[in-house]
C-alpha atoms as a PDB file:
ATOM      1  CA  MET A   1     -25.868 -66.135 -34.897  1.00  0.00           C
ATOM      2  CA  SER A   2     -27.351 -64.214 -32.244  1.00  0.00           C
ATOM      3  CA  GLY A   3     -28.048 -60.475 -33.050  1.00  0.00           C
ATOM      4  CA  ALA A   4     -29.670 -58.423 -35.990  1.00  0.00           C
ATOM      5  CA  ALA A   5     -26.316 -56.974 -37.205  1.00  0.00           C
ATOM      6  CA  GLU A   6     -25.534 -60.670 -37.960  1.00  0.00           C
ATOM      7  CA  LEU A   7     -28.832 -61.597 -39.798  1.00  0.00           C
ATOM      8  CA  LYS A   8     -28.479 -58.578 -41.898  1.00  0.00           C
ATOM      9  CA  PRO A   9     -26.107 -59.658 -44.227  1.00  0.00           C
ATOM     10  CA  LEU A  10     -28.288 -62.613 -44.701  1.00  0.00           C
ATOM     11  CA  VAL A  11     -31.356 -60.987 -45.137  1.00  0.00           C
ATOM     12  CA  LYS A  12     -29.647 -58.841 -47.955  1.00  0.00           C
ATOM     13  CA  SER A  13     -28.156 -61.739 -49.682  1.00  0.00           C
ATOM     14  CA  LEU A  14     -31.746 -63.772 -49.471  1.00  0.00           C
ATOM     15  CA  ASN A  15     -33.445 -60.525 -51.408  1.00  0.00           C
ATOM     16  CA  SER A  16     -30.270 -60.621 -54.166  1.00  0.00           C
ATOM     17  CA  ALA A  17     -30.292 -64.484 -54.515  1.00  0.00           C
ATOM     18  CA  SER A  18     -30.915 -65.133 -58.399  1.00  0.00           C
ATOM     19  CA  THR A  19     -31.130 -69.209 -58.070  1.00  0.00           C
ATOM     20  CA  ASP A  20     -33.386 -71.314 -56.159  1.00  0.00           C
ATOM     21  CA  GLU A  21     -30.204 -73.521 -54.775  1.00  0.00           C
ATOM     22  CA  GLU A  22     -28.871 -70.054 -53.282  1.00  0.00           C
ATOM     23  CA  ILE A  23     -32.016 -69.035 -51.700  1.00  0.00           C
ATOM     24  CA  ILE A  24     -32.494 -72.516 -50.217  1.00  0.00           C
ATOM     25  CA  THR A  25     -28.514 -72.461 -48.573  1.00  0.00           C
ATOM     26  CA  ILE A  26     -29.527 -69.272 -47.223  1.00  0.00           C
ATOM     27  CA  LEU A  27     -33.001 -70.115 -45.742  1.00  0.00           C
ATOM     28  CA  ASN A  28     -31.315 -73.352 -44.044  1.00  0.00           C
ATOM     29  CA  THR A  29     -28.727 -71.147 -42.665  1.00  0.00           C
ATOM     30  CA  LEU A  30     -31.364 -68.944 -41.196  1.00  0.00           C
ATOM     31  CA  LYS A  31     -33.314 -72.047 -40.065  1.00  0.00           C
ATOM     32  CA  GLN A  32     -30.548 -73.819 -38.210  1.00  0.00           C
ATOM     33  CA  GLN A  33     -28.400 -70.865 -36.997  1.00  0.00           C
ATOM     34  CA  ALA A  34     -30.525 -67.595 -36.276  1.00  0.00           C
ATOM     35  CA  LYS A  35     -31.654 -67.243 -32.751  1.00  0.00           C
ATOM     36  CA  ILE A  36     -34.443 -65.276 -33.089  1.00  0.00           C
ATOM     37  CA  THR A  37     -36.655 -63.171 -30.842  1.00  0.00           C
ATOM     38  CA  GLU A  38     -39.069 -60.507 -31.467  1.00  0.00           C
ATOM     39  CA  ALA A  39     -36.857 -57.524 -31.328  1.00  0.00           C
ATOM     40  CA  ILE A  40     -33.999 -58.989 -33.509  1.00  0.00           C
ATOM     41  CA  LEU A  41     -37.098 -60.134 -35.871  1.00  0.00           C
ATOM     42  CA  ARG A  42     -37.984 -56.528 -36.302  1.00  0.00           C
ATOM     43  CA  GLU A  43     -34.752 -54.689 -36.585  1.00  0.00           C
ATOM     44  CA  SER A  44     -33.282 -57.047 -39.071  1.00  0.00           C
ATOM     45  CA  LYS A  45     -36.841 -57.149 -41.124  1.00  0.00           C
ATOM     46  CA  ALA A  46     -35.893 -61.115 -41.618  1.00  0.00           C
ATOM     47  CA  GLY A  47     -39.489 -62.085 -41.315  1.00  0.00           C
ATOM     48  CA  LEU A  48     -40.495 -59.849 -44.299  1.00  0.00           C
ATOM     49  CA  ALA A  49     -37.473 -61.453 -46.299  1.00  0.00           C
ATOM     50  CA  VAL A  50     -38.816 -64.927 -45.536  1.00  0.00           C
ATOM     51  CA  GLY A  51     -42.406 -64.409 -45.392  1.00  0.00           C
ATOM     52  CA  LYS A  52     -42.425 -63.397 -49.014  1.00  0.00           C
ATOM     53  CA  LEU A  53     -41.038 -66.465 -50.413  1.00  0.00           C
ATOM     54  CA  ARG A  54     -43.887 -68.520 -49.249  1.00  0.00           C
ATOM     55  CA  GLN A  55     -45.521 -67.938 -52.436  1.00  0.00           C
ATOM     56  CA  HIS A  56     -42.347 -68.403 -54.502  1.00  0.00           C
ATOM     57  CA  ALA A  57     -42.997 -70.358 -57.443  1.00  0.00           C
ATOM     58  CA  SER A  58     -40.657 -73.381 -56.542  1.00  0.00           C
ATOM     59  CA  LYS A  59     -42.314 -75.852 -54.088  1.00  0.00           C
ATOM     60  CA  PRO A  60     -38.988 -76.220 -52.116  1.00  0.00           C
ATOM     61  CA  VAL A  61     -38.501 -72.568 -51.648  1.00  0.00           C
ATOM     62  CA  ALA A  62     -41.920 -71.878 -50.582  1.00  0.00           C
ATOM     63  CA  ASP A  63     -42.309 -75.015 -48.129  1.00  0.00           C
ATOM     64  CA  LEU A  64     -39.072 -74.242 -46.419  1.00  0.00           C
ATOM     65  CA  ALA A  65     -40.135 -70.488 -46.203  1.00  0.00           C
ATOM     66  CA  LYS A  66     -43.506 -71.590 -44.704  1.00  0.00           C
ATOM     67  CA  GLU A  67     -41.864 -73.824 -41.987  1.00  0.00           C
ATOM     68  CA  ILE A  68     -39.118 -71.246 -41.098  1.00  0.00           C
ATOM     69  CA  VAL A  69     -42.009 -68.749 -40.417  1.00  0.00           C
ATOM     70  CA  ARG A  70     -43.948 -71.176 -38.386  1.00  0.00           C
ATOM     71  CA  LYS A  71     -40.730 -72.302 -36.255  1.00  0.00           C
ATOM     72  CA  TRP A  72     -40.038 -68.343 -35.739  1.00  0.00           C
ATOM     73  CA  LYS A  73     -43.804 -67.805 -34.742  1.00  0.00           C
ATOM     74  CA  THR A  74     -43.576 -70.273 -32.457  1.00  0.00           C
ATOM     75  CA  GLU A  75     -40.114 -68.753 -31.028  1.00  0.00           C
ATOM     76  CA  VAL A  76     -41.596 -65.501 -30.669  1.00  0.00           C
ATOM     77  CA  GLU A  77     -44.842 -66.682 -28.994  1.00  0.00           C
ATOM     78  CA  ARG A  78     -42.856 -68.532 -26.105  1.00  0.00           C
ATOM     79  CA  GLU A  79     -40.813 -65.798 -25.397  1.00  0.00           C
ATOM     80  CA  LYS A  80     -43.827 -63.695 -24.977  1.00  0.00           C
ATOM     81  CA  GLN A  81     -45.037 -66.269 -22.803  1.00  0.00           C
ATOM     82  CA  ALA A  82     -42.230 -66.572 -20.667  1.00  0.00           C
ATOM     83  CA  ALA A  83     -42.558 -62.664 -20.074  1.00  0.00           C
ATOM     84  CA  GLY A  84     -45.451 -63.116 -19.101  1.00  0.00           C
ATOM     85  CA  GLY A  85     -47.845 -62.352 -21.739  1.00  0.00           C
ATOM     86  CA  GLY A  86     -49.643 -59.183 -22.232  1.00  0.00           C
ATOM     87  CA  THR A  87     -50.937 -56.738 -19.417  1.00  0.00           C
ATOM     88  CA  LYS A  88     -54.433 -56.746 -18.513  1.00  0.00           C
ATOM     89  CA  ALA A  89     -57.258 -54.609 -20.330  1.00  0.00           C
ATOM     90  CA  ALA A  90     -58.759 -51.277 -19.456  1.00  0.00           C
ATOM     91  CA  ALA A  91     -61.488 -51.047 -18.112  1.00  0.00           C
ATOM     92  CA  ASN A  92     -63.183 -49.552 -21.344  1.00  0.00           C
ATOM     93  CA  GLY A  93     -62.188 -52.745 -23.186  1.00  0.00           C
ATOM     94  CA  LYS A  94     -59.500 -51.229 -24.835  1.00  0.00           C
ATOM     95  CA  PRO A  95     -55.829 -52.689 -25.004  1.00  0.00           C
ATOM     96  CA  PRO A  96     -53.715 -50.028 -22.660  1.00  0.00           C
ATOM     97  CA  ALA A  97     -51.091 -48.206 -23.914  1.00  0.00           C
ATOM     98  CA  ALA A  98     -48.195 -50.716 -22.770  1.00  0.00           C
ATOM     99  CA  LYS A  99     -49.963 -53.242 -24.866  1.00  0.00           C
ATOM    100  CA  LYS A 100     -50.284 -51.209 -28.005  1.00  0.00           C
ATOM    101  CA  ALA A 101     -46.705 -50.416 -28.005  1.00  0.00           C
ATOM    102  CA  ALA A 102     -46.122 -54.428 -27.921  1.00  0.00           C
ATOM    103  CA  SER A 103     -48.396 -54.914 -30.434  1.00  0.00           C
ATOM    104  CA  ALA A 104     -46.373 -52.237 -32.497  1.00  0.00           C
ATOM    105  CA  GLN A 105     -43.312 -54.138 -31.778  1.00  0.00           C
ATOM    106  CA  SER A 106     -44.406 -57.500 -33.640  1.00  0.00           C
ATOM    107  CA  ALA A 107     -41.992 -60.005 -34.504  1.00  0.00           C
ATOM    108  CA  SER A 108     -43.691 -59.863 -37.790  1.00  0.00           C
ATOM    109  CA  SER A 109     -42.905 -56.357 -38.502  1.00  0.00           C
ATOM    110  CA  ALA A 110     -41.350 -58.290 -41.044  1.00  0.00           C
ATOM    111  CA  ALA A 111     -43.817 -60.468 -41.753  1.00  0.00           C
ATOM    112  CA  THR A 112     -44.156 -62.850 -39.460  1.00  0.00           C
ATOM    113  CA  PRO A 113     -47.999 -63.535 -38.401  1.00  0.00           C
ATOM    114  CA  THR A 114     -48.017 -62.949 -34.906  1.00  0.00           C
ATOM    115  CA  THR A 115     -51.322 -61.618 -33.504  1.00  0.00           C
ATOM    116  CA  PRO A 116     -52.014 -59.353 -30.224  1.00  0.00           C
ATOM    117  CA  VAL A 117     -53.833 -60.753 -26.772  1.00  0.00           C
ATOM    118  CA  THR A 118     -57.176 -59.993 -26.581  1.00  0.00           C
ATOM    119  CA  PRO A 119     -58.231 -58.713 -23.257  1.00  0.00           C
ATOM    120  CA  SER A 120     -60.042 -61.964 -22.741  1.00  0.00           C
ATOM    121  CA  ALA A 121     -56.930 -64.279 -23.499  1.00  0.00           C
ATOM    122  CA  SER A 122     -54.639 -62.098 -21.435  1.00  0.00           C
ATOM    123  CA  THR A 123     -56.758 -62.852 -18.087  1.00  0.00           C
ATOM    124  CA  SER A 124     -57.383 -66.688 -18.497  1.00  0.00           C
ATOM    125  CA  GLY A 125     -54.403 -67.512 -19.944  1.00  0.00           C
ATOM    126  CA  SER A 126     -55.751 -68.748 -23.415  1.00  0.00           C
ATOM    127  CA  LYS A 127     -53.930 -69.068 -26.452  1.00  0.00           C
ATOM    128  CA  LEU A 128     -53.082 -65.907 -28.895  1.00  0.00           C
ATOM    129  CA  ASN A 129     -55.835 -65.000 -31.212  1.00  0.00           C
ATOM    130  CA  GLU A 130     -55.736 -66.408 -34.887  1.00  0.00           C
ATOM    131  CA  THR A 131     -56.375 -62.914 -36.326  1.00  0.00           C
ATOM    132  CA  ARG A 132     -55.996 -59.047 -35.913  1.00  0.00           C
ATOM    133  CA  SER A 133     -58.259 -56.631 -36.771  1.00  0.00           C
ATOM    134  CA  ALA A 134     -58.841 -52.564 -35.764  1.00  0.00           C
ATOM    135  CA  LYS A 135     -60.727 -53.662 -33.252  1.00  0.00           C
ATOM    136  CA  SER A 136     -58.270 -56.082 -31.468  1.00  0.00           C
ATOM    137  CA  ASP A 137     -55.885 -53.586 -31.910  1.00  0.00           C
ATOM    138  CA  GLY A 138     -57.797 -50.713 -30.301  1.00  0.00           C
ATOM    139  CA  ILE A 139     -57.605 -48.584 -33.765  1.00  0.00           C
ATOM    140  CA  LYS A 140     -60.606 -46.389 -33.790  1.00  0.00           C
ATOM    141  CA  ILE A 141     -60.433 -44.660 -37.462  1.00  0.00           C
ATOM    142  CA  GLU A 142     -61.672 -41.259 -37.670  1.00  0.00           C
ATOM    143  CA  TYR A 143     -59.668 -39.250 -39.657  1.00  0.00           C
ATOM    144  CA  THR A 144     -61.846 -37.764 -42.288  1.00  0.00           C
ATOM    145  CA  GLY A 145     -65.349 -36.530 -40.731  1.00  0.00           C
ATOM    146  CA  ASP A 146     -67.274 -38.765 -43.696  1.00  0.00           C
ATOM    147  CA  LYS A 147     -68.529 -42.131 -42.503  1.00  0.00           C
ATOM    148  CA  THR A 148     -68.020 -43.846 -45.774  1.00  0.00           C
ATOM    149  CA  ARG A 149     -64.326 -42.821 -45.933  1.00  0.00           C
ATOM    150  CA  ASP A 150     -63.365 -44.035 -42.508  1.00  0.00           C
ATOM    151  CA  LYS A 151     -65.093 -47.461 -42.848  1.00  0.00           C
ATOM    152  CA  CYS A 152     -63.418 -47.916 -46.041  1.00  0.00           C
ATOM    153  CA  ALA A 153     -59.970 -47.563 -44.341  1.00  0.00           C
ATOM    154  CA  GLU A 154     -61.191 -49.377 -41.474  1.00  0.00           C
ATOM    155  CA  LEU A 155     -61.497 -52.390 -44.256  1.00  0.00           C
ATOM    156  CA  ILE A 156     -58.464 -51.969 -45.528  1.00  0.00           C
ATOM    157  CA  TYR A 157     -56.682 -51.798 -42.133  1.00  0.00           C
ATOM    158  CA  ASP A 158     -58.143 -55.077 -41.349  1.00  0.00           C
ATOM    159  CA  ALA A 159     -57.533 -56.418 -44.764  1.00  0.00           C
ATOM    160  CA  LEU A 160     -53.939 -55.699 -44.334  1.00  0.00           C
ATOM    161  CA  VAL A 161     -53.404 -56.505 -40.583  1.00  0.00           C
ATOM    162  CA  PHE A 162     -55.635 -59.682 -40.110  1.00  0.00           C
ATOM    163  CA  ASP A 163     -52.477 -62.155 -40.306  1.00  0.00           C
ATOM    164  CA  SER A 164     -49.778 -59.617 -39.914  1.00  0.00           C
ATOM    165  CA  GLY A 165     -47.600 -58.404 -36.845  1.00  0.00           C
ATOM    166  CA  ALA A 166     -46.454 -55.409 -38.255  1.00  0.00           C
ATOM    167  CA  PRO A 167     -46.897 -52.452 -36.203  1.00  0.00           C
ATOM    168  CA  SER A 168     -50.322 -50.914 -35.849  1.00  0.00           C
ATOM    169  CA  GLU A 169     -49.170 -47.312 -36.995  1.00  0.00           C
ATOM    170  CA  LEU A 170     -47.445 -48.279 -40.064  1.00  0.00           C
ATOM    171  CA  ILE A 171     -50.642 -50.622 -40.926  1.00  0.00           C
ATOM    172  CA  LEU A 172     -52.997 -47.376 -40.561  1.00  0.00           C
ATOM    173  CA  THR A 173     -50.518 -45.577 -42.480  1.00  0.00           C
ATOM    174  CA  ARG A 174     -50.992 -47.732 -45.248  1.00  0.00           C
ATOM    175  CA  ALA A 175     -54.686 -47.943 -44.872  1.00  0.00           C
ATOM    176  CA  LYS A 176     -54.815 -44.020 -45.190  1.00  0.00           C
ATOM    177  CA  GLU A 177     -53.015 -43.939 -48.173  1.00  0.00           C
ATOM    178  CA  ILE A 178     -54.866 -46.571 -50.241  1.00  0.00           C
ATOM    179  CA  GLU A 179     -58.053 -44.916 -49.093  1.00  0.00           C
ATOM    180  CA  LYS A 180     -56.839 -41.484 -50.201  1.00  0.00           C
ATOM    181  CA  THR A 181     -55.451 -42.351 -53.685  1.00  0.00           C
ATOM    182  CA  VAL A 182     -58.752 -44.444 -54.332  1.00  0.00           C
ATOM    183  CA  LEU A 183     -60.864 -41.317 -53.582  1.00  0.00           C
ATOM    184  CA  ASN A 184     -58.591 -39.323 -55.711  1.00  0.00           C
ATOM    185  CA  ASP A 185     -58.568 -41.756 -58.360  1.00  0.00           C
ATOM    186  CA  ASN A 186     -62.317 -42.312 -58.541  1.00  0.00           C
ATOM    187  CA  GLY A 187     -63.191 -38.081 -57.953  1.00  0.00           C
ATOM    188  CA  GLY A 188     -64.755 -38.808 -54.470  1.00  0.00           C
ATOM    189  CA  THR A 189     -66.859 -41.687 -53.057  1.00  0.00           C
ATOM    190  CA  THR A 190     -68.545 -42.315 -55.522  1.00  0.00           C
ATOM    191  CA  ALA A 191     -69.794 -45.860 -56.957  1.00  0.00           C
ATOM    192  CA  GLU A 192     -66.385 -46.678 -58.753  1.00  0.00           C
ATOM    193  CA  TYR A 193     -64.505 -45.823 -55.650  1.00  0.00           C
ATOM    194  CA  ARG A 194     -66.655 -48.185 -53.225  1.00  0.00           C
ATOM    195  CA  ALA A 195     -66.063 -50.987 -55.827  1.00  0.00           C
ATOM    196  CA  LYS A 196     -62.523 -50.542 -56.029  1.00  0.00           C
ATOM    197  CA  ILE A 197     -62.214 -50.312 -52.307  1.00  0.00           C
ATOM    198  CA  ARG A 198     -64.002 -53.832 -52.479  1.00  0.00           C
ATOM    199  CA  SER A 199     -62.012 -55.195 -54.982  1.00  0.00           C
ATOM    200  CA  LEU A 200     -58.797 -53.793 -52.971  1.00  0.00           C
ATOM    201  CA  TYR A 201     -59.774 -55.661 -49.717  1.00  0.00           C
ATOM    202  CA  VAL A 202     -61.005 -59.076 -51.100  1.00  0.00           C
ATOM    203  CA  ASN A 203     -58.043 -59.078 -52.670  1.00  0.00           C
ATOM    204  CA  LEU A 204     -55.601 -58.153 -49.732  1.00  0.00           C
ATOM    205  CA  LYS A 205     -57.795 -60.532 -47.597  1.00  0.00           C
ATOM    206  CA  ASP A 206     -56.956 -63.497 -49.481  1.00  0.00           C
ATOM    207  CA  LYS A 207     -55.387 -66.017 -47.339  1.00  0.00           C
ATOM    208  CA  ASN A 208     -53.939 -67.808 -50.003  1.00  0.00           C
ATOM    209  CA  ASN A 209     -52.062 -64.579 -51.201  1.00  0.00           C
ATOM    210  CA  PRO A 210     -50.057 -63.339 -48.259  1.00  0.00           C
ATOM    211  CA  GLY A 211     -47.201 -61.799 -50.470  1.00  0.00           C
ATOM    212  CA  LEU A 212     -49.394 -59.358 -51.530  1.00  0.00           C
ATOM    213  CA  ARG A 213     -50.355 -57.894 -48.314  1.00  0.00           C
ATOM    214  CA  GLU A 214     -46.650 -57.896 -47.018  1.00  0.00           C
ATOM    215  CA  SER A 215     -45.764 -56.303 -50.277  1.00  0.00           C
ATOM    216  CA  VAL A 216     -47.907 -53.462 -49.700  1.00  0.00           C
ATOM    217  CA  VAL A 217     -47.073 -52.816 -45.836  1.00  0.00           C
ATOM    218  CA  SER A 218     -43.347 -52.899 -46.556  1.00  0.00           C
ATOM    219  CA  GLY A 219     -43.792 -50.453 -49.048  1.00  0.00           C
ATOM    220  CA  ASP A 220     -42.332 -53.005 -51.719  1.00  0.00           C
ATOM    221  CA  LEU A 221     -45.348 -52.324 -53.569  1.00  0.00           C
ATOM    222  CA  ALA A 222     -45.970 -48.586 -53.928  1.00  0.00           C
ATOM    223  CA  VAL A 223     -49.313 -47.520 -52.955  1.00  0.00           C
ATOM    224  CA  SER A 224     -49.982 -45.731 -56.054  1.00  0.00           C
ATOM    225  CA  LYS A 225     -49.203 -48.602 -58.162  1.00  0.00           C
ATOM    226  CA  PHE A 226     -51.300 -51.096 -56.060  1.00  0.00           C
ATOM    227  CA  CYS A 227     -54.292 -49.298 -55.887  1.00  0.00           C
ATOM    228  CA  ARG A 228     -54.582 -49.134 -60.175  1.00  0.00           C
ATOM    229  CA  MET A 229     -53.974 -53.216 -60.313  1.00  0.00           C
ATOM    230  CA  SER A 230     -56.681 -55.215 -61.391  1.00  0.00           C
ATOM    231  CA  SER A 231     -57.621 -58.483 -59.535  1.00  0.00           C
ATOM    232  CA  LYS A 232     -55.779 -60.269 -62.046  1.00  0.00           C
ATOM    233  CA  GLU A 233     -52.617 -58.250 -61.596  1.00  0.00           C
ATOM    234  CA  MET A 234     -53.076 -58.760 -57.925  1.00  0.00           C
ATOM    235  CA  ALA A 235     -53.437 -62.757 -58.036  1.00  0.00           C
ATOM    236  CA  SER A 236     -51.102 -64.663 -56.363  1.00  0.00           C
ATOM    237  CA  GLU A 237     -48.166 -66.506 -58.375  1.00  0.00           C
ATOM    238  CA  GLU A 238     -50.214 -69.799 -57.998  1.00  0.00           C
ATOM    239  CA  ARG A 239     -53.337 -68.128 -59.354  1.00  0.00           C
ATOM    240  CA  LYS A 240     -51.655 -66.747 -62.331  1.00  0.00           C
ATOM    241  CA  ALA A 241     -50.129 -69.738 -63.322  1.00  0.00           C
ATOM    242  CA  ALA A 242     -53.062 -71.666 -62.916  1.00  0.00           C
ATOM    243  CA  ASP A 243     -55.388 -69.106 -64.935  1.00  0.00           C
ATOM    244  CA  ALA A 244     -52.800 -69.117 -67.743  1.00  0.00           C
ATOM    245  CA  LYS A 245     -52.935 -72.592 -68.189  1.00  0.00           C
ATOM    246  CA  ILE A 246     -56.873 -72.545 -68.470  1.00  0.00           C
ATOM    247  CA  ALA A 247     -56.667 -69.511 -70.897  1.00  0.00           C
ATOM    248  CA  GLN A 248     -54.225 -71.663 -72.821  1.00  0.00           C
ATOM    249  CA  GLU A 249     -56.513 -74.797 -72.855  1.00  0.00           C
ATOM    250  CA  ASN A 250     -59.355 -72.574 -73.492  1.00  0.00           C
ATOM    251  CA  LEU A 251     -57.295 -71.157 -76.490  1.00  0.00           C
ATOM    252  CA  PHE A 252     -56.977 -74.672 -78.105  1.00  0.00           C
ATOM    253  CA  LYS A 253     -61.004 -75.421 -77.361  1.00  0.00           C
ATOM    254  CA  THR A 254     -61.884 -72.351 -79.316  1.00  0.00           C
ATOM    255  CA  LEU A 255     -60.627 -73.872 -82.738  1.00  0.00           C
ATOM    256  CA  GLY A 256     -63.874 -75.449 -83.588  1.00  0.00           C
ATOM    257  CA  ALA A 257     -64.208 -79.143 -84.173  1.00  0.00           C
ATOM    258  CA  GLU A 258     -64.977 -78.184 -87.847  1.00  0.00           C
ATOM    259  CA  ASP A 259     -61.576 -76.837 -88.144  1.00  0.00           C
ATOM    260  CA  VAL A 260     -59.225 -79.551 -90.052  1.00  0.00           C
ATOM    261  CA  GLU A 261     -56.741 -80.732 -88.491  1.00  0.00           C
ATOM    262  CA  ALA A 262     -53.321 -81.637 -90.721  1.00  0.00           C
ATOM    263  CA  GLU A 263     -50.789 -84.849 -90.036  1.00  0.00           C
ATOM    264  CA  THR A 264     -47.281 -84.257 -90.069  1.00  0.00           C
ATOM    265  CA  ASP A 265     -44.058 -85.244 -88.758  1.00  0.00           C
ATOM    266  CA  ALA A 266     -42.450 -81.947 -89.134  1.00  0.00           C
ATOM    267  CA  PHE A 267     -42.841 -81.116 -85.190  1.00  0.00           C
ATOM    268  CA  GLN A 268     -41.400 -83.409 -82.319  1.00  0.00           C
ATOM    269  CA  CYS A 269     -43.234 -83.624 -79.447  1.00  0.00           C
ATOM    270  CA  GLY A 270     -41.108 -82.116 -76.457  1.00  0.00           C
ATOM    271  CA  ARG A 271     -42.561 -84.580 -73.753  1.00  0.00           C
ATOM    272  CA  CYS A 272     -42.226 -88.212 -75.854  1.00  0.00           C
ATOM    273  CA  LYS A 273     -39.770 -87.376 -78.865  1.00  0.00           C
ATOM    274  CA  GLN A 274     -42.462 -88.908 -81.034  1.00  0.00           C
ATOM    275  CA  ARG A 275     -42.987 -86.863 -84.418  1.00  0.00           C
ATOM    276  CA  LYS A 276     -46.763 -87.875 -84.785  1.00  0.00           C
ATOM    277  CA  CYS A 277     -48.523 -84.950 -84.727  1.00  0.00           C
ATOM    278  CA  ARG A 278     -51.539 -82.977 -85.315  1.00  0.00           C
ATOM    279  CA  TYR A 279     -51.606 -79.295 -86.306  1.00  0.00           C
ATOM    280  CA  ARG A 280     -53.786 -76.488 -87.355  1.00  0.00           C
ATOM    281  CA  GLN A 281     -53.083 -72.418 -87.853  1.00  0.00           C
ATOM    282  CA  ALA A 282     -55.329 -69.677 -86.872  1.00  0.00           C
ATOM    283  CA  GLN A 283     -54.738 -66.104 -86.710  1.00  0.00           C
ATOM    284  CA  THR A 284     -55.297 -65.390 -83.012  1.00  0.00           C
ATOM    285  CA  ARG A 285     -53.536 -61.864 -83.476  1.00  0.00           C
ATOM    286  CA  SER A 286     -53.684 -58.441 -85.680  1.00  0.00           C
ATOM    287  CA  ALA A 287     -53.423 -59.510 -89.639  1.00  0.00           C
ATOM    288  CA  ASP A 288     -50.071 -57.888 -90.169  1.00  0.00           C
ATOM    289  CA  GLU A 289     -48.930 -60.712 -87.454  1.00  0.00           C
ATOM    290  CA  PRO A 290     -48.051 -64.118 -88.379  1.00  0.00           C
ATOM    291  CA  MET A 291     -50.299 -66.618 -87.734  1.00  0.00           C
ATOM    292  CA  THR A 292     -50.611 -69.164 -84.606  1.00  0.00           C
ATOM    293  CA  THR A 293     -49.541 -72.909 -85.197  1.00  0.00           C
ATOM    294  CA  PHE A 294     -51.290 -75.466 -82.485  1.00  0.00           C
ATOM    295  CA  VAL A 295     -49.721 -78.947 -82.398  1.00  0.00           C
ATOM    296  CA  THR A 296     -51.159 -81.598 -80.646  1.00  0.00           C
ATOM    297  CA  CYS A 297     -49.049 -85.038 -80.268  1.00  0.00           C
ATOM    298  CA  THR A 298     -51.082 -88.051 -81.314  1.00  0.00           C
ATOM    299  CA  VAL A 299     -49.057 -90.467 -78.939  1.00  0.00           C
ATOM    300  CA  CYS A 300     -49.016 -88.953 -75.559  1.00  0.00           C
ATOM    301  CA  ASN A 301     -51.700 -85.828 -76.197  1.00  0.00           C
ATOM    302  CA  ASN A 302     -49.231 -83.053 -75.185  1.00  0.00           C
ATOM    303  CA  ARG A 303     -50.265 -79.971 -76.676  1.00  0.00           C
ATOM    304  CA  TRP A 304     -48.151 -76.683 -77.878  1.00  0.00           C
ATOM    305  CA  LYS A 305     -48.200 -73.575 -79.835  1.00  0.00           C
ATOM    306  CA  PHE A 306     -45.810 -71.128 -81.278  1.00  0.00           C
ATOM    307  CA  SER A 307     -45.970 -68.002 -84.131  1.00  0.00           C
END
């Protein structure tokens, strides 16, 4: 397949796939058959679809998605180098208009991490930078007349763009929307406004959570919803799973040593299938809810709970 029109049905199928097997089959087709160029990625949005899967709960899916993103990034960079790289920087050190247009048409408008060339890189022939920022994109954010607001919008821009190749105009639009929403939610540039901007910046800039950035940039995650999420809600799926495991461990530990555990053969361990268990009960919810039973297998130390 050599065109965006042929890729689009696969991208649509990938977005609607419901099982890991379906996803892996489509990813392998894309990996083996797709002839990638910057224009094709931009038009088909294949990069966005594949990029999101780098944080998939299934490790085989996530690993394959990462491999494809790396492969496509290499192909796009090779295409750019074959075309002669970027143009030279203007005398004032900012990227000229032609370069900005090229950056805006980056392969990762579909979330494939591609980075514009800095003036020094384009003149020396050195490799592309690893990250982008408002400064490297030649973006100066001065749209409110308020230095605090403009600086906060710049921070959000830097967090959204640093490993992305999406158009500068799209990133700038998202950064402004986020800043305005936080401003309205907090009644001005208050302490709460600044704290929320910091929280959003830290979570967006987390290199282990590319799915969050991609969802915000693509519009899959509405700005209004994103701005009202807690740090816990913004965490990557891996982080959420780890936190849930820690919370369950802590719940068992909060049951004091003085609590009596009764031995029973009424429960079968799902791991070793033995019926040698200890259990205890605790009221972990409201009084009108049933008690929670905590069970520990004395053979393999597997633990579970139920209500």
